Amino acid sequence: MSDQLPDRLSTDPRSPYYNADVLSRDVGIRFKGVEKNNVEEYCVSEGWVRVTAGSSKDRFGNPLTIKLTGAVEPYFRDEK
């Protein structure tokens, strides 16, 4: 597996952007220079992340997310 992260990645297994191999390496996200731990999906080229909105759920039981725009920097946490 390469050390290159994809442009877009999701933690939801139903998403076409889900990649279990990449997620198994513990991906970290810096959004506007701040470490985020609640990111559900990101896109580097479009400059956005989706984060969970508290403990709210939609009618299917999935967490509600908010789309935030700004500079996105994904990295592998196992590399220092």
C-alpha atoms as a PDB file:
ATOM      1  CA  MET A   1       0.000   0.000   0.000  1.00  0.00           C
ATOM      2  CA  SER A   2       1.292   3.469  -0.830  1.00  0.00           C
ATOM      3  CA  ASP A   3       1.831   6.313   1.608  1.00  0.00           C
ATOM      4  CA  GLN A   4      -0.363   8.575  -0.533  1.00  0.00           C
ATOM      5  CA  LEU A   5      -3.760   9.434   0.938  1.00  0.00           C
ATOM      6  CA  PRO A   6      -6.770   9.635  -1.392  1.00  0.00           C
ATOM      7  CA  ASP A   7      -8.248  13.017  -2.332  1.00  0.00           C
ATOM      8  CA  ARG A   8     -11.570  11.997  -0.781  1.00  0.00           C
ATOM      9  CA  LEU A   9     -12.166   9.487   2.013  1.00  0.00           C
ATOM     10  CA  SER A  10     -15.192   8.456   4.089  1.00  0.00           C
ATOM     11  CA  THR A  11     -15.572   6.383   7.259  1.00  0.00           C
ATOM     12  CA  ASP A  12     -19.040   5.161   6.193  1.00  0.00           C
ATOM     13  CA  PRO A  13     -18.841   1.646   4.670  1.00  0.00           C
ATOM     14  CA  ARG A  14     -21.826   2.426   2.403  1.00  0.00           C
ATOM     15  CA  SER A  15     -19.989   5.319   0.736  1.00  0.00           C
ATOM     16  CA  PRO A  16     -18.164   4.844  -2.607  1.00  0.00           C
ATOM     17  CA  TYR A  17     -15.231   6.747  -1.012  1.00  0.00           C
ATOM     18  CA  TYR A  18     -14.770   4.224   1.818  1.00  0.00           C
ATOM     19  CA  ASN A  19     -11.386   2.467   1.860  1.00  0.00           C
ATOM     20  CA  ALA A  20     -10.794   0.022   4.738  1.00  0.00           C
ATOM     21  CA  ASP A  21      -7.097  -0.442   3.902  1.00  0.00           C
ATOM     22  CA  VAL A  22      -6.365   3.264   4.287  1.00  0.00           C
ATOM     23  CA  LEU A  23      -8.517   3.660   7.400  1.00  0.00           C
ATOM     24  CA  SER A  24      -6.736   0.761   9.100  1.00  0.00           C
ATOM     25  CA  ARG A  25      -3.563   2.900   9.164  1.00  0.00           C
ATOM     26  CA  ASP A  26      -5.164   5.523  11.486  1.00  0.00           C
ATOM     27  CA  VAL A  27      -5.735   8.633   9.363  1.00  0.00           C
ATOM     28  CA  GLY A  28      -5.630  12.021  11.089  1.00  0.00           C
ATOM     29  CA  ILE A  29      -7.173  15.260   9.795  1.00  0.00           C
ATOM     30  CA  ARG A  30      -6.020  18.827  10.343  1.00  0.00           C
ATOM     31  CA  PHE A  31      -8.763  21.285   9.393  1.00  0.00           C
ATOM     32  CA  LYS A  32      -7.689  24.939   9.261  1.00  0.00           C
ATOM     33  CA  GLY A  33      -4.615  23.941  11.264  1.00  0.00           C
ATOM     34  CA  VAL A  34      -6.599  22.288  14.092  1.00  0.00           C
ATOM     35  CA  GLU A  35      -6.673  18.528  14.764  1.00  0.00           C
ATOM     36  CA  LYS A  36     -10.211  17.126  14.293  1.00  0.00           C
ATOM     37  CA  ASN A  37     -11.289  13.769  15.744  1.00  0.00           C
ATOM     38  CA  ASN A  38     -14.924  13.697  14.593  1.00  0.00           C
ATOM     39  CA  VAL A  39     -14.477  13.836  10.794  1.00  0.00           C
ATOM     40  CA  GLU A  40     -16.789  11.473   8.891  1.00  0.00           C
ATOM     41  CA  GLU A  41     -15.620  12.410   5.372  1.00  0.00           C
ATOM     42  CA  TYR A  42     -13.158  14.811   3.749  1.00  0.00           C
ATOM     43  CA  CYS A  43     -12.242  16.124   0.307  1.00  0.00           C
ATOM     44  CA  VAL A  44      -8.888  17.874  -0.122  1.00  0.00           C
ATOM     45  CA  SER A  45      -9.417  19.247  -3.659  1.00  0.00           C
ATOM     46  CA  GLU A  46     -12.788  20.830  -2.806  1.00  0.00           C
ATOM     47  CA  GLY A  47     -11.639  21.930   0.672  1.00  0.00           C
ATOM     48  CA  TRP A  48     -14.318  20.534   2.992  1.00  0.00           C
ATOM     49  CA  VAL A  49     -14.914  18.083   5.808  1.00  0.00           C
ATOM     50  CA  ARG A  50     -18.081  16.534   7.229  1.00  0.00           C
ATOM     51  CA  VAL A  51     -18.139  16.384  11.027  1.00  0.00           C
ATOM     52  CA  THR A  52     -20.715  14.889  13.368  1.00  0.00           C
ATOM     53  CA  ALA A  53     -23.225  17.314  14.858  1.00  0.00           C
ATOM     54  CA  GLY A  54     -23.252  16.259  18.500  1.00  0.00           C
ATOM     55  CA  SER A  55     -25.232  13.158  19.336  1.00  0.00           C
ATOM     56  CA  SER A  56     -28.112  13.946  16.941  1.00  0.00           C
ATOM     57  CA  LYS A  57     -29.338  11.151  14.674  1.00  0.00           C
ATOM     58  CA  ASP A  58     -31.332  11.175  11.455  1.00  0.00           C
ATOM     59  CA  ARG A  59     -34.462   9.085  10.989  1.00  0.00           C
ATOM     60  CA  PHE A  60     -32.350   6.060   9.968  1.00  0.00           C
ATOM     61  CA  GLY A  61     -30.173   6.199  13.099  1.00  0.00           C
ATOM     62  CA  ASN A  62     -27.114   7.650  11.369  1.00  0.00           C
ATOM     63  CA  PRO A  63     -25.301  10.612  12.959  1.00  0.00           C
ATOM     64  CA  LEU A  64     -26.146  14.032  11.543  1.00  0.00           C
ATOM     65  CA  THR A  65     -23.203  15.763   9.886  1.00  0.00           C
ATOM     66  CA  ILE A  66     -22.272  19.351   9.071  1.00  0.00           C
ATOM     67  CA  LYS A  67     -20.165  20.313   6.050  1.00  0.00           C
ATOM     68  CA  LEU A  68     -17.387  22.790   6.895  1.00  0.00           C
ATOM     69  CA  THR A  69     -15.179  24.450   4.276  1.00  0.00           C
ATOM     70  CA  GLY A  70     -11.521  25.335   4.648  1.00  0.00           C
ATOM     71  CA  ALA A  71      -8.001  23.950   4.313  1.00  0.00           C
ATOM     72  CA  VAL A  72      -7.900  20.153   4.800  1.00  0.00           C
ATOM     73  CA  GLU A  73      -4.677  18.272   5.566  1.00  0.00           C
ATOM     74  CA  PRO A  74      -4.953  14.473   5.967  1.00  0.00           C
ATOM     75  CA  TYR A  75      -2.003  12.484   7.310  1.00  0.00           C
ATOM     76  CA  PHE A  76      -1.146   9.087   8.774  1.00  0.00           C
ATOM     77  CA  ARG A  77      -0.862   9.280  12.568  1.00  0.00           C
ATOM     78  CA  ASP A  78       1.663   6.414  12.691  1.00  0.00           C
ATOM     79  CA  GLU A  79       4.198   8.613  10.854  1.00  0.00           C
ATOM     80  CA  LYS A  80       5.848  11.219  13.052  1.00  0.00           C
END
